[in-house]
Amino acid sequence: MIKKNKWIILIIFAVFVSIGTYYLYYYYPRKIVFEFVKEIPKPNKEYDNSQWFSYHYIQNEERLIYFLIDYYKHRDPPQQGYDSTFAHNVGDTFDYEHYDYIMVYQKQLKDLSYSPYLAKNYDYIWYCDNK
């Protein structure tokens, strides 16, 4: 009788530890180590995007080119983006096979944290876990 109760208590304990570990993994933000790579100058003197508090997630050159050139055409009001030659030269300096990049505007990134919950509900990059 005591052995049977011991197994039941052990199973219940294992279930609680498993659930606790899952919630800790899913919700608890972890600090991400990152390295400053490159500062890209403003496309023109009138450019001001300092009010924007987010970032662009860059995982390939195509996406970088979009955010340096085409992104500005779709803004309201449309703005002049970067020169395509300049954008391609910047894109050639990055290693997309081994790294992903984050582009922020007129700010310095000081801290970066991650959890699947934050990525899915706030950053909209839930697909990064599926790579």
C-alpha atoms as a PDB file:
ATOM      1  CA  MET A   1       0.000   0.000   0.000  1.00  0.00           C
ATOM      2  CA  ILE A   2       2.799   2.425   0.867  1.00  0.00           C
ATOM      3  CA  LYS A   3       4.642   1.663  -2.397  1.00  0.00           C
ATOM      4  CA  LYS A   4       1.508   2.411  -4.419  1.00  0.00           C
ATOM      5  CA  ASN A   5       1.002   5.776  -2.660  1.00  0.00           C
ATOM      6  CA  LYS A   6       4.674   6.576  -3.199  1.00  0.00           C
ATOM      7  CA  TRP A   7       4.317   6.083  -6.980  1.00  0.00           C
ATOM      8  CA  ILE A   8       1.162   8.193  -7.131  1.00  0.00           C
ATOM      9  CA  ILE A   9       2.865  11.026  -5.244  1.00  0.00           C
ATOM     10  CA  LEU A  10       5.916  10.725  -7.495  1.00  0.00           C
ATOM     11  CA  ILE A  11       3.754  10.906 -10.656  1.00  0.00           C
ATOM     12  CA  ILE A  12       1.825  13.929  -9.353  1.00  0.00           C
ATOM     13  CA  PHE A  13       5.106  15.624  -8.451  1.00  0.00           C
ATOM     14  CA  ALA A  14       6.512  14.912 -11.942  1.00  0.00           C
ATOM     15  CA  VAL A  15       3.386  16.380 -13.569  1.00  0.00           C
ATOM     16  CA  PHE A  16       3.642  19.570 -11.497  1.00  0.00           C
ATOM     17  CA  VAL A  17       7.352  19.942 -12.241  1.00  0.00           C
ATOM     18  CA  SER A  18       6.706  19.414 -15.969  1.00  0.00           C
ATOM     19  CA  ILE A  19       3.920  21.997 -16.053  1.00  0.00           C
ATOM     20  CA  GLY A  20       6.026  24.460 -14.056  1.00  0.00           C
ATOM     21  CA  THR A  21       8.999  23.982 -16.377  1.00  0.00           C
ATOM     22  CA  TYR A  22       6.807  24.539 -19.432  1.00  0.00           C
ATOM     23  CA  TYR A  23       5.351  27.786 -18.046  1.00  0.00           C
ATOM     24  CA  LEU A  24       8.797  28.985 -17.005  1.00  0.00           C
ATOM     25  CA  TYR A  25      10.151  28.293 -20.504  1.00  0.00           C
ATOM     26  CA  TYR A  26       7.161  29.826 -22.307  1.00  0.00           C
ATOM     27  CA  TYR A  27       6.557  32.990 -20.253  1.00  0.00           C
ATOM     28  CA  TYR A  28       9.843  33.914 -18.570  1.00  0.00           C
ATOM     29  CA  PRO A  29      11.859  36.411 -20.683  1.00  0.00           C
ATOM     30  CA  ARG A  30      15.506  35.517 -21.184  1.00  0.00           C
ATOM     31  CA  LYS A  31      18.252  37.987 -21.987  1.00  0.00           C
ATOM     32  CA  ILE A  32      19.690  37.606 -25.473  1.00  0.00           C
ATOM     33  CA  VAL A  33      23.324  38.423 -26.078  1.00  0.00           C
ATOM     34  CA  PHE A  34      23.745  40.544 -29.172  1.00  0.00           C
ATOM     35  CA  GLU A  35      26.505  42.423 -30.904  1.00  0.00           C
ATOM     36  CA  PHE A  36      26.387  45.790 -32.632  1.00  0.00           C
ATOM     37  CA  VAL A  37      27.186  45.237 -36.304  1.00  0.00           C
ATOM     38  CA  LYS A  38      26.748  48.389 -38.355  1.00  0.00           C
ATOM     39  CA  GLU A  39      25.345  51.898 -38.232  1.00  0.00           C
ATOM     40  CA  ILE A  40      23.584  52.924 -41.417  1.00  0.00           C
ATOM     41  CA  PRO A  41      23.386  56.685 -42.014  1.00  0.00           C
ATOM     42  CA  LYS A  42      20.028  58.388 -42.554  1.00  0.00           C
ATOM     43  CA  PRO A  43      18.821  58.384 -46.173  1.00  0.00           C
ATOM     44  CA  ASN A  44      18.488  62.174 -46.178  1.00  0.00           C
ATOM     45  CA  LYS A  45      18.768  65.133 -43.796  1.00  0.00           C
ATOM     46  CA  GLU A  46      15.004  65.518 -43.332  1.00  0.00           C
ATOM     47  CA  TYR A  47      14.522  61.892 -42.307  1.00  0.00           C
ATOM     48  CA  ASP A  48      13.187  61.429 -38.770  1.00  0.00           C
ATOM     49  CA  ASN A  49      11.912  58.096 -37.500  1.00  0.00           C
ATOM     50  CA  SER A  50      12.881  58.601 -33.865  1.00  0.00           C
ATOM     51  CA  GLN A  51       9.257  58.271 -32.682  1.00  0.00           C
ATOM     52  CA  TRP A  52       9.140  54.595 -33.747  1.00  0.00           C
ATOM     53  CA  PHE A  53       9.742  52.265 -30.787  1.00  0.00           C
ATOM     54  CA  SER A  54      10.064  48.925 -32.521  1.00  0.00           C
ATOM     55  CA  TYR A  55      12.472  47.213 -34.879  1.00  0.00           C
ATOM     56  CA  HIS A  56      12.692  45.334 -38.161  1.00  0.00           C
ATOM     57  CA  TYR A  57      13.746  41.708 -38.093  1.00  0.00           C
ATOM     58  CA  ILE A  58      16.140  41.009 -40.981  1.00  0.00           C
ATOM     59  CA  GLN A  59      16.907  37.393 -41.871  1.00  0.00           C
ATOM     60  CA  ASN A  60      17.906  37.750 -45.537  1.00  0.00           C
ATOM     61  CA  GLU A  61      19.080  40.358 -48.019  1.00  0.00           C
ATOM     62  CA  GLU A  62      15.673  40.570 -49.700  1.00  0.00           C
ATOM     63  CA  ARG A  63      14.078  41.735 -46.470  1.00  0.00           C
ATOM     64  CA  LEU A  64      16.882  44.231 -45.823  1.00  0.00           C
ATOM     65  CA  ILE A  65      16.442  45.713 -49.305  1.00  0.00           C
ATOM     66  CA  TYR A  66      12.698  46.011 -48.687  1.00  0.00           C
ATOM     67  CA  PHE A  67      13.202  47.960 -45.447  1.00  0.00           C
ATOM     68  CA  LEU A  68      15.894  50.210 -46.914  1.00  0.00           C
ATOM     69  CA  ILE A  69      14.129  51.035 -50.198  1.00  0.00           C
ATOM     70  CA  ASP A  70      10.503  49.905 -50.634  1.00  0.00           C
ATOM     71  CA  TYR A  71       9.341  50.416 -47.048  1.00  0.00           C
ATOM     72  CA  TYR A  72       9.564  54.186 -47.440  1.00  0.00           C
ATOM     73  CA  LYS A  73       7.364  54.194 -50.536  1.00  0.00           C
ATOM     74  CA  HIS A  74       4.460  52.688 -48.552  1.00  0.00           C
ATOM     75  CA  ARG A  75       4.582  55.142 -45.665  1.00  0.00           C
ATOM     76  CA  ASP A  76       2.105  57.947 -45.254  1.00  0.00           C
ATOM     77  CA  PRO A  77       3.276  60.348 -46.654  1.00  0.00           C
ATOM     78  CA  PRO A  78       5.664  58.468 -48.970  1.00  0.00           C
ATOM     79  CA  GLN A  79       9.328  59.211 -48.319  1.00  0.00           C
ATOM     80  CA  GLN A  80      12.540  58.889 -50.230  1.00  0.00           C
ATOM     81  CA  GLY A  81      14.395  55.704 -49.187  1.00  0.00           C
ATOM     82  CA  TYR A  82      17.973  54.671 -49.731  1.00  0.00           C
ATOM     83  CA  ASP A  83      19.681  54.406 -53.081  1.00  0.00           C
ATOM     84  CA  SER A  84      19.493  50.809 -54.396  1.00  0.00           C
ATOM     85  CA  THR A  85      23.270  50.598 -54.942  1.00  0.00           C
ATOM     86  CA  PHE A  86      23.902  51.724 -51.357  1.00  0.00           C
ATOM     87  CA  ALA A  87      21.326  49.231 -50.031  1.00  0.00           C
ATOM     88  CA  HIS A  88      22.874  46.316 -51.948  1.00  0.00           C
ATOM     89  CA  ASN A  89      26.360  47.278 -50.743  1.00  0.00           C
ATOM     90  CA  VAL A  90      25.109  47.280 -47.139  1.00  0.00           C
ATOM     91  CA  GLY A  91      23.377  43.949 -47.714  1.00  0.00           C
ATOM     92  CA  ASP A  92      26.555  42.354 -49.012  1.00  0.00           C
ATOM     93  CA  THR A  93      28.363  43.007 -45.717  1.00  0.00           C
ATOM     94  CA  PHE A  94      26.030  40.784 -43.662  1.00  0.00           C
ATOM     95  CA  ASP A  95      26.219  37.010 -43.120  1.00  0.00           C
ATOM     96  CA  TYR A  96      22.589  35.852 -43.405  1.00  0.00           C
ATOM     97  CA  GLU A  97      23.447  32.169 -43.341  1.00  0.00           C
ATOM     98  CA  HIS A  98      24.717  32.273 -39.754  1.00  0.00           C
ATOM     99  CA  TYR A  99      23.041  35.360 -38.264  1.00  0.00           C
ATOM    100  CA  ASP A 100      19.794  37.289 -38.166  1.00  0.00           C
ATOM    101  CA  TYR A 101      19.768  41.050 -37.693  1.00  0.00           C
ATOM    102  CA  ILE A 102      17.623  43.640 -35.971  1.00  0.00           C
ATOM    103  CA  MET A 103      17.363  47.121 -37.438  1.00  0.00           C
ATOM    104  CA  VAL A 104      16.364  49.991 -35.131  1.00  0.00           C
ATOM    105  CA  TYR A 105      15.937  53.625 -36.118  1.00  0.00           C
ATOM    106  CA  GLN A 106      17.852  56.487 -34.535  1.00  0.00           C
ATOM    107  CA  LYS A 107      18.231  54.637 -31.247  1.00  0.00           C
ATOM    108  CA  GLN A 108      20.714  52.381 -29.551  1.00  0.00           C
ATOM    109  CA  LEU A 109      19.578  48.884 -28.624  1.00  0.00           C
ATOM    110  CA  LYS A 110      20.550  48.369 -24.986  1.00  0.00           C
ATOM    111  CA  ASP A 111      18.751  45.194 -23.949  1.00  0.00           C
ATOM    112  CA  LEU A 112      17.176  42.318 -25.801  1.00  0.00           C
ATOM    113  CA  SER A 113      14.983  39.676 -24.172  1.00  0.00           C
ATOM    114  CA  TYR A 114      13.044  36.752 -25.578  1.00  0.00           C
ATOM    115  CA  SER A 115      10.352  34.287 -24.627  1.00  0.00           C
ATOM    116  CA  PRO A 116       8.009  32.369 -26.939  1.00  0.00           C
ATOM    117  CA  TYR A 117       5.069  34.201 -25.344  1.00  0.00           C
ATOM    118  CA  LEU A 118       6.539  37.659 -26.072  1.00  0.00           C
ATOM    119  CA  ALA A 119       7.570  36.677 -29.585  1.00  0.00           C
ATOM    120  CA  LYS A 120       4.157  35.303 -30.490  1.00  0.00           C
ATOM    121  CA  ASN A 121       1.982  37.974 -28.884  1.00  0.00           C
ATOM    122  CA  TYR A 122       4.030  41.163 -29.121  1.00  0.00           C
ATOM    123  CA  ASP A 123       6.824  40.802 -31.680  1.00  0.00           C
ATOM    124  CA  TYR A 124       4.924  38.692 -34.207  1.00  0.00           C
ATOM    125  CA  ILE A 125       7.982  36.573 -34.967  1.00  0.00           C
ATOM    126  CA  TRP A 126       6.663  33.265 -33.608  1.00  0.00           C
ATOM    127  CA  TYR A 127       7.993  31.521 -36.698  1.00  0.00           C
ATOM    128  CA  CYS A 128      11.586  31.989 -35.465  1.00  0.00           C
ATOM    129  CA  ASP A 129      11.179  28.968 -33.180  1.00  0.00           C
ATOM    130  CA  ASN A 130      10.264  26.829 -36.176  1.00  0.00           C
ATOM    131  CA  LYS A 131      13.564  27.268 -38.047  1.00  0.00           C
END
